[in-house]
Amino acid sequence: MSTNQDNAAQSLVGKKLKNGWTVSKKIEPKEGSTGGFFSVCYVVTRGDEEAFLKALNFQAFFQMFRGRPIVEIINEQTNAYQFERDLLLRCKNNKLSKVSMVIDEGEEVLEGFTIPNVPYLIFEMSDGDVRSHMNFSKDVEIAWKLQSLHNVAVGLKQLHGVEIGHQDLKPSNVLLYQDGVVSKVGDLGRSLCAEIEAPHENGGDFPGDLNYAPTEFLYRYIDPDWNFRVRSTDMYLFGSLIVFYFSGANMTALIGKNLDPQFKWTQWRGKFEGVHDYLVDAFYKAIKEFKSSISDKELSDELSKIIEYCCFPIPDRRGHPKAIELSLNRDGSRNLNSNQFDFQRIVSKFDVLYRMANYKFK
């Protein structure tokens, strides 16, 4: 029997699930997609309602981690599924409007398979992720990009409000709805929560895609303050997303491109503090490169200011200047009751920029 023939997660088409859902068709992963290997995706219907189902694919883990005990893999992945489910339900119960909403969840048992259990999550159906809508030509769809970034900033602020840090914000995790008008933050699988322990919370290491990681993690620097570390990470990732929207690159890649090779994270073996000056120099060169991707000087300057405080490579100096000032005690120590990485200023700024762009770039 082939792997797919003995894979319950690959065999849900036509099944009637609890709460009236019917699995109508499988969604084949797109070429170049990396997110679908450990899950199998389907379209499900309930009357006139259509939704997106993500089924946990145990067999994929067995293929990837041959030699590891099966029970160990099942326990590990079940814990990961339960963690994501609990975060999604937390978001749903708190009515987070700019976070991809889970509609239902459950587990289907298919007899005749080695592993008959298929845990699944059902989400509102999206139009795809932001990459499908992106045009990097200068001055194209600027108002749409600013509105989308405003939505994402709202989503991150909402997540932080319920003690969740996304930690894996990247283009493939920004989902579009209502014919691309609304953007929402998706995929909480690598998120962290102050009140729910994550199975992937490994000593403070970066849990997301390392291609987008804030620079401090690449130099093995881990801030001991959980709230500071998690929120500063999301702010960096948001700034990097701005860079992508207008240039197609991300900030980590641009910093690496402009950094003297001997000080790059793949070569440097000293302390993080030892590369601070070189990182900052590369960072400002990266911002200059970003600015060249936007022909409108006013918008270029405004976005560069936001990126500068969102992505500053030294986390203590990341965040809006006024927020940094308020976050410090008189002796220079951190004020633990202050939030250096509050997204409210960013939300307000993108609201203004979007409204201006609606007139300017029509």
Protein backbone atom coordinates (compact mmCIF):
# COMPACT_ATOMS: atom_id res chain seq x y z
CA MET A 1 0.00 0.00 0.00
CA SER A 2 1.43 3.44 -0.95
CA THR A 3 1.88 6.22 1.58
CA ASN A 4 -1.12 8.15 0.24
CA GLN A 5 -3.32 5.03 0.17
CA ASP A 6 -2.61 4.51 3.87
CA ASN A 7 -3.03 8.18 4.73
CA ALA A 8 -6.33 9.07 6.34
CA ALA A 9 -5.63 12.81 6.03
CA GLN A 10 -5.49 12.41 2.22
CA SER A 11 -8.82 10.56 2.13
CA LEU A 12 -11.47 12.98 3.40
CA VAL A 13 -13.21 13.87 0.12
CA GLY A 14 -16.90 12.98 0.34
CA LYS A 15 -16.86 12.51 4.12
CA LYS A 16 -19.64 13.92 6.28
CA LEU A 17 -18.14 15.62 9.32
CA LYS A 18 -19.75 16.71 12.56
CA ASN A 19 -21.87 19.88 12.64
CA GLY A 20 -23.13 19.35 9.08
CA TRP A 21 -19.92 19.84 7.10
CA THR A 22 -19.23 17.88 3.89
CA VAL A 23 -15.74 17.62 2.42
CA SER A 24 -16.23 18.53 -1.26
CA LYS A 25 -12.72 18.65 -2.75
CA LYS A 26 -9.03 18.63 -1.96
CA ILE A 27 -6.96 21.78 -2.47
CA GLU A 28 -3.70 20.81 -4.13
CA PRO A 29 -0.65 22.76 -2.89
CA LYS A 30 0.59 25.40 -5.31
CA GLU A 31 3.98 25.03 -6.94
CA GLY A 32 6.65 26.45 -4.64
CA SER A 33 4.39 26.25 -1.59
CA THR A 34 6.15 25.18 1.61
CA GLY A 35 3.32 25.35 4.11
CA GLY A 36 1.22 22.38 3.01
CA PHE A 37 3.51 19.40 3.61
CA PHE A 38 2.37 18.72 7.18
CA SER A 39 -1.30 19.37 6.49
CA VAL A 40 -3.83 18.49 3.80
CA CYS A 41 -6.31 21.20 2.79
CA TYR A 42 -9.89 20.85 1.57
CA VAL A 43 -12.96 22.85 0.65
CA VAL A 44 -15.90 21.99 2.90
CA THR A 45 -19.52 23.03 2.56
CA ARG A 46 -22.54 23.32 4.83
CA GLY A 47 -25.62 24.37 2.92
CA ASP A 48 -24.61 27.53 1.05
CA GLU A 49 -21.60 28.09 3.31
CA GLU A 50 -18.13 27.28 1.96
CA ALA A 51 -15.05 27.04 4.18
CA PHE A 52 -11.45 25.88 4.29
CA LEU A 53 -10.39 22.74 6.18
CA LYS A 54 -6.83 22.03 7.31
CA ALA A 55 -6.24 18.40 8.31
CA LEU A 56 -3.20 17.31 10.30
CA ASN A 57 -1.10 14.92 8.21
CA PHE A 58 0.66 12.50 10.58
CA GLN A 59 2.11 10.49 7.69
CA ALA A 60 4.12 13.50 6.50
CA PHE A 61 5.84 13.68 9.87
CA PHE A 62 6.66 9.97 9.74
CA GLN A 63 8.30 10.52 6.34
CA MET A 64 10.24 13.54 7.53
CA PHE A 65 11.44 12.02 10.80
CA ARG A 66 12.11 8.40 9.92
CA GLY A 67 13.60 6.48 12.82
CA ARG A 68 11.85 8.46 15.54
CA PRO A 69 9.26 6.58 17.63
CA ILE A 70 5.78 6.89 16.12
CA VAL A 71 4.15 7.52 19.51
CA GLU A 72 6.57 10.39 20.14
CA ILE A 73 5.74 12.00 16.79
CA ILE A 74 1.98 11.61 17.30
CA ASN A 75 2.15 13.16 20.78
CA GLU A 76 4.31 16.03 19.57
CA GLN A 77 2.08 16.90 16.63
CA THR A 78 -1.13 16.46 18.60
CA ASN A 79 0.21 18.94 21.16
CA ALA A 80 1.05 21.39 18.35
CA TYR A 81 -2.45 21.01 16.88
CA GLN A 82 -4.11 21.50 20.27
CA PHE A 83 -2.00 24.60 20.93
CA GLU A 84 -2.97 26.22 17.62
CA ARG A 85 -6.62 25.26 18.15
CA ASP A 86 -6.64 26.80 21.64
CA LEU A 87 -5.10 30.04 20.35
CA LEU A 88 -7.61 30.22 17.50
CA LEU A 89 -10.52 29.69 19.88
CA ARG A 90 -9.07 32.38 22.16
CA CYS A 91 -9.08 34.76 19.17
CA LYS A 92 -12.61 33.73 18.17
CA ASN A 93 -13.97 34.17 21.69
CA ASN A 94 -12.41 37.64 21.85
CA LYS A 95 -13.80 38.56 18.40
CA LEU A 96 -10.48 39.53 16.83
CA SER A 97 -11.69 40.98 13.53
CA LYS A 98 -8.33 41.09 11.72
CA VAL A 99 -7.19 37.56 12.56
CA SER A 100 -8.22 34.65 10.34
CA MET A 101 -11.19 33.08 12.13
CA VAL A 102 -11.62 29.42 12.95
CA ILE A 103 -15.24 28.37 12.37
CA ASP A 104 -15.11 24.81 13.67
CA GLU A 105 -12.71 22.08 14.75
CA GLY A 106 -12.86 18.37 15.35
CA GLU A 107 -11.42 14.95 14.67
CA GLU A 108 -12.58 12.43 12.07
CA VAL A 109 -11.84 8.72 12.48
CA LEU A 110 -11.48 6.75 9.23
CA GLU A 111 -11.42 2.98 9.70
CA GLY A 112 -8.91 0.89 7.74
CA PHE A 113 -5.91 3.20 8.09
CA THR A 114 -2.80 2.65 10.20
CA ILE A 115 -3.41 6.04 11.84
CA PRO A 116 -7.20 6.49 11.52
CA ASN A 117 -7.49 9.77 13.43
CA VAL A 118 -7.52 13.07 11.50
CA PRO A 119 -7.67 16.23 13.63
CA TYR A 120 -8.82 19.24 11.62
CA LEU A 121 -9.53 22.95 11.79
CA ILE A 122 -12.13 24.74 9.65
CA PHE A 123 -11.55 28.38 8.73
CA GLU A 124 -13.45 31.09 6.89
CA MET A 125 -12.59 30.82 3.20
CA SER A 126 -9.97 33.32 2.03
CA ASP A 127 -9.14 34.59 -1.46
CA GLY A 128 -5.54 33.45 -0.99
CA ASP A 129 -2.53 35.11 0.61
CA VAL A 130 -1.19 38.57 -0.11
CA ARG A 131 1.42 37.31 -2.60
CA SER A 132 -1.32 36.57 -5.15
CA HIS A 133 -2.38 40.22 -5.16
CA MET A 134 1.02 41.88 -5.05
CA ASN A 135 2.38 44.14 -7.77
CA PHE A 136 5.82 45.61 -7.13
CA SER A 137 5.70 48.19 -9.92
CA LYS A 138 6.22 51.70 -8.59
CA ASP A 139 3.08 53.61 -7.60
CA VAL A 140 0.79 50.65 -8.38
CA GLU A 141 -1.98 49.85 -5.88
CA ILE A 142 -0.38 52.02 -3.22
CA ALA A 143 -3.67 52.75 -1.44
CA TRP A 144 -4.50 49.03 -1.37
CA LYS A 145 -1.08 48.18 0.09
CA LEU A 146 -1.45 50.80 2.83
CA GLN A 147 -4.94 49.59 3.69
CA SER A 148 -3.71 46.00 3.86
CA LEU A 149 -0.82 46.98 6.14
CA HIS A 150 -3.27 48.90 8.33
CA ASN A 151 -5.37 45.73 8.65
CA VAL A 152 -2.30 43.68 9.58
CA ALA A 153 -1.23 46.23 12.21
CA VAL A 154 -4.72 46.06 13.72
CA GLY A 155 -4.49 42.26 13.74
CA LEU A 156 -1.15 42.31 15.59
CA LYS A 157 -2.47 44.84 18.10
CA GLN A 158 -5.50 42.60 18.68
CA LEU A 159 -3.27 39.55 19.20
CA HIS A 160 -1.07 41.39 21.68
CA GLY A 161 -4.23 42.46 23.50
CA VAL A 162 -4.99 38.81 24.29
CA GLU A 163 -1.36 38.00 25.18
CA ILE A 164 -0.47 36.33 21.85
CA GLY A 165 2.61 37.11 19.79
CA HIS A 166 2.38 35.93 16.18
CA GLN A 167 6.16 35.35 15.69
CA ASP A 168 5.89 34.14 12.09
CA LEU A 169 4.46 37.11 10.20
CA LYS A 170 5.41 36.89 6.53
CA PRO A 171 3.61 37.38 3.19
CA SER A 172 2.17 33.85 3.06
CA ASN A 173 0.54 34.43 6.46
CA VAL A 174 -1.40 37.52 5.40
CA LEU A 175 -4.73 36.30 4.02
CA LEU A 176 -7.18 38.22 1.84
CA TYR A 177 -10.98 38.33 2.13
CA GLN A 178 -13.91 40.08 0.45
CA ASP A 179 -12.27 40.12 -2.99
CA GLY A 180 -8.98 41.34 -1.56
CA VAL A 181 -10.43 44.33 0.29
CA VAL A 182 -9.75 42.97 3.79
CA SER A 183 -6.44 41.53 4.99
CA LYS A 184 -6.15 39.33 8.07
CA VAL A 185 -3.30 37.74 9.96
CA GLY A 186 -3.33 33.96 9.56
CA ASP A 187 -1.51 30.83 10.76
CA LEU A 188 -0.89 30.90 14.51
CA GLY A 189 0.97 27.59 14.42
CA ARG A 190 4.28 29.16 15.53
CA SER A 191 2.79 31.79 17.82
CA LEU A 192 3.52 32.22 21.51
CA CYS A 193 1.07 33.00 24.31
CA ALA A 194 1.76 34.31 27.80
CA GLU A 195 -0.99 32.10 29.26
CA ILE A 196 -0.77 28.92 27.14
CA GLU A 197 2.55 27.10 26.94
CA ALA A 198 3.70 26.47 23.37
CA PRO A 199 5.24 23.09 22.51
CA HIS A 200 7.78 24.91 20.32
CA GLU A 201 8.87 27.45 22.95
CA ASN A 202 12.46 26.28 23.04
CA GLY A 203 14.42 28.45 25.44
CA GLY A 204 13.45 31.65 23.66
CA ASP A 205 14.74 30.67 20.21
CA PHE A 206 12.98 32.26 17.24
CA PRO A 207 9.98 29.99 16.43
CA GLY A 208 9.21 31.33 12.96
CA ASP A 209 10.77 31.21 9.50
CA LEU A 210 14.47 32.04 9.89
CA ASN A 211 14.53 33.79 6.51
CA TYR A 212 12.52 36.57 8.16
CA ALA A 213 14.05 36.42 11.66
CA PRO A 214 15.02 39.60 13.50
CA THR A 215 18.78 39.98 13.43
CA GLU A 216 19.34 39.42 17.16
CA PHE A 217 18.17 35.81 16.90
CA LEU A 218 20.57 35.13 14.05
CA TYR A 219 23.42 36.17 16.35
CA ARG A 220 22.05 33.90 19.10
CA TYR A 221 21.01 36.81 21.33
CA ILE A 222 17.87 36.04 23.35
CA ASP A 223 16.37 38.74 25.55
CA PRO A 224 15.35 37.20 28.90
CA ASP A 225 12.17 39.31 29.15
CA TRP A 226 9.40 37.25 27.47
CA ASN A 227 7.06 40.16 26.76
CA PHE A 228 9.86 42.34 25.41
CA ARG A 229 11.25 39.57 23.21
CA VAL A 230 7.91 38.46 21.77
CA ARG A 231 6.51 41.92 21.09
CA SER A 232 9.75 43.30 19.66
CA THR A 233 9.82 40.31 17.30
CA ASP A 234 6.34 41.05 15.95
CA MET A 235 7.24 44.71 15.46
CA TYR A 236 10.34 43.76 13.44
CA LEU A 237 8.34 41.30 11.33
CA PHE A 238 5.73 43.96 10.61
CA GLY A 239 8.38 46.43 9.46
CA SER A 240 9.87 43.73 7.27
CA LEU A 241 6.41 43.15 5.78
CA ILE A 242 6.25 46.82 4.76
CA VAL A 243 9.55 46.32 2.94
CA PHE A 244 8.08 43.34 1.09
CA TYR A 245 4.91 45.18 0.05
CA PHE A 246 6.90 47.83 -1.81
CA SER A 247 10.10 46.07 -2.87
CA GLY A 248 9.50 42.31 -2.87
CA ALA A 249 12.40 41.80 -0.42
CA ASN A 250 12.44 41.49 3.37
CA MET A 251 14.48 43.50 5.85
CA THR A 252 16.63 40.59 7.03
CA ALA A 253 17.69 39.86 3.46
CA LEU A 254 18.45 43.54 2.79
CA ILE A 255 20.55 43.87 5.95
CA GLY A 256 22.48 40.73 5.01
CA LYS A 257 23.04 42.07 1.50
CA ASN A 258 24.52 45.32 2.85
CA LEU A 259 26.58 43.79 5.67
CA ASP A 260 30.33 43.21 5.44
CA PRO A 261 30.58 39.39 5.01
CA GLN A 262 32.96 38.98 7.96
CA PHE A 263 30.27 40.36 10.29
CA LYS A 264 27.35 38.37 8.86
CA TRP A 265 25.59 35.97 11.23
CA THR A 266 26.81 32.96 9.26
CA GLN A 267 30.43 33.96 9.99
CA TRP A 268 30.45 35.90 13.25
CA ARG A 269 31.17 33.89 16.39
CA GLY A 270 31.57 36.73 18.87
CA LYS A 271 28.95 38.43 21.02
CA PHE A 272 25.97 40.25 19.52
CA GLU A 273 27.22 43.55 20.97
CA GLY A 274 30.35 43.23 18.87
CA VAL A 275 28.46 43.65 15.60
CA HIS A 276 26.04 46.39 16.67
CA ASP A 277 27.77 49.19 14.75
CA TYR A 278 28.15 47.12 11.59
CA LEU A 279 24.51 46.02 11.73
CA VAL A 280 23.28 49.58 12.14
CA ASP A 281 25.39 50.70 9.19
CA ALA A 282 23.99 47.88 7.01
CA PHE A 283 20.49 48.68 8.26
CA TYR A 284 20.61 52.29 7.08
CA LYS A 285 21.99 51.18 3.73
CA ALA A 286 19.03 48.76 3.51
CA ILE A 287 16.58 51.58 4.24
CA LYS A 288 18.18 53.70 1.52
CA GLU A 289 17.75 50.79 -0.89
CA PHE A 290 14.11 50.41 0.15
CA LYS A 291 13.41 54.11 -0.40
CA SER A 292 14.46 53.79 -4.04
CA SER A 293 11.54 51.41 -4.64
CA ILE A 294 8.99 54.22 -4.06
CA SER A 295 9.05 57.19 -6.40
CA ASP A 296 6.83 59.42 -4.24
CA LYS A 297 9.24 61.13 -1.82
CA GLU A 298 6.65 61.97 0.84
CA LEU A 299 5.42 58.38 1.07
CA SER A 300 8.96 57.01 0.86
CA ASP A 301 10.03 59.19 3.80
CA GLU A 302 6.98 58.29 5.90
CA LEU A 303 7.35 54.54 5.38
CA SER A 304 11.10 54.66 5.97
CA LYS A 305 10.54 56.31 9.36
CA ILE A 306 8.13 53.52 10.34
CA ILE A 307 10.50 50.81 9.11
CA GLU A 308 13.39 52.45 10.97
CA TYR A 309 11.71 52.16 14.36
CA CYS A 310 10.02 48.82 13.64
CA CYS A 311 13.11 47.01 12.34
CA PHE A 312 15.98 48.63 14.20
CA PRO A 313 18.50 45.77 14.50
CA ILE A 314 19.21 46.43 18.19
CA PRO A 315 15.99 45.43 20.01
CA ASP A 316 16.47 47.90 22.90
CA ARG A 317 16.28 50.73 20.33
CA ARG A 318 13.31 49.26 18.44
CA GLY A 319 9.91 50.89 18.74
CA HIS A 320 8.55 54.41 18.34
CA PRO A 321 10.96 56.98 19.90
CA LYS A 322 8.25 58.28 22.26
CA ALA A 323 7.40 54.72 23.31
CA ILE A 324 11.07 54.01 24.03
CA GLU A 325 11.27 57.17 26.15
CA LEU A 326 8.20 56.15 28.15
CA SER A 327 9.49 52.61 28.59
CA LEU A 328 12.60 53.68 30.50
CA ASN A 329 12.89 54.51 34.19
CA ARG A 330 15.00 57.47 35.29
CA ASP A 331 17.98 55.19 35.90
CA GLY A 332 17.76 53.84 32.34
CA SER A 333 16.28 50.47 33.33
CA ARG A 334 13.15 49.12 31.64
CA ASN A 335 9.76 50.08 32.98
CA LEU A 336 7.99 46.71 33.03
CA ASN A 337 4.58 48.41 33.10
CA SER A 338 5.21 50.19 29.80
CA ASN A 339 4.85 48.76 26.29
CA GLN A 340 7.64 49.83 23.97
CA PHE A 341 6.00 47.91 21.11
CA ASP A 342 2.41 49.14 21.18
CA PHE A 343 0.97 49.10 17.65
CA GLN A 344 -1.52 51.93 18.19
CA ARG A 345 0.72 54.63 16.67
CA ILE A 346 1.33 52.40 13.65
CA VAL A 347 -2.39 51.69 13.23
CA SER A 348 -3.19 55.41 13.34
CA LYS A 349 -0.38 56.30 10.94
CA PHE A 350 -1.41 53.76 8.32
CA ASP A 351 -5.00 54.94 8.55
CA VAL A 352 -3.82 58.47 7.68
CA LEU A 353 -1.47 57.27 4.93
CA TYR A 354 -4.21 55.16 3.34
CA ARG A 355 -6.66 58.08 3.29
CA MET A 356 -4.04 60.37 1.75
CA ALA A 357 -3.11 57.77 -0.88
CA ASN A 358 -6.74 57.35 -1.87
CA TYR A 359 -6.70 60.92 -3.15
CA LYS A 360 -3.10 61.16 -4.31
CA PHE A 361 -2.70 57.96 -6.33
CA LYS A 362 -6.10 57.60 -7.97
